[in-house]
Amino acid sequence: MDLHLVFPLLEFLSTRRIYDESSLTESKYQLLQNTNMVDFTIDVFRSLHPGEDAPAALGEKREDVVRQLNYLQQQSSQVIEIFSKQDVTDVAEKNRDSQ
């Protein structure tokens, strides 16, 4: 199962109060370690360890993720520009709906 799909399950369990909240929060933290959701990972870490600084590795990972995001945005800018035009969007939607 995709890690991003497990997170809503943990959120659901959290609202049901079936399991210990700290255990669920720790599970969320462990799950987030393997994603690029670094800011959220830092927030969960801080909820587990109030007053502590997040691990330096998370800061480094965040820099890598932002660098990758900027690179991918640059690489896809022409495609994004094309699809931001209303006439292209209209044609794409028309073709999608006709299938």
Foldseek 3Di string as FASTA:
>chain_A
DDLVVVVVVLVVCCVVVPDDNLVSLVVVLVSCVPDLPLVVNQVSVCVNPPPDHDDVVSVVSPVVSVVVVVVVCVVCVVVVVQCVDPVSVVVVVVVVVVD
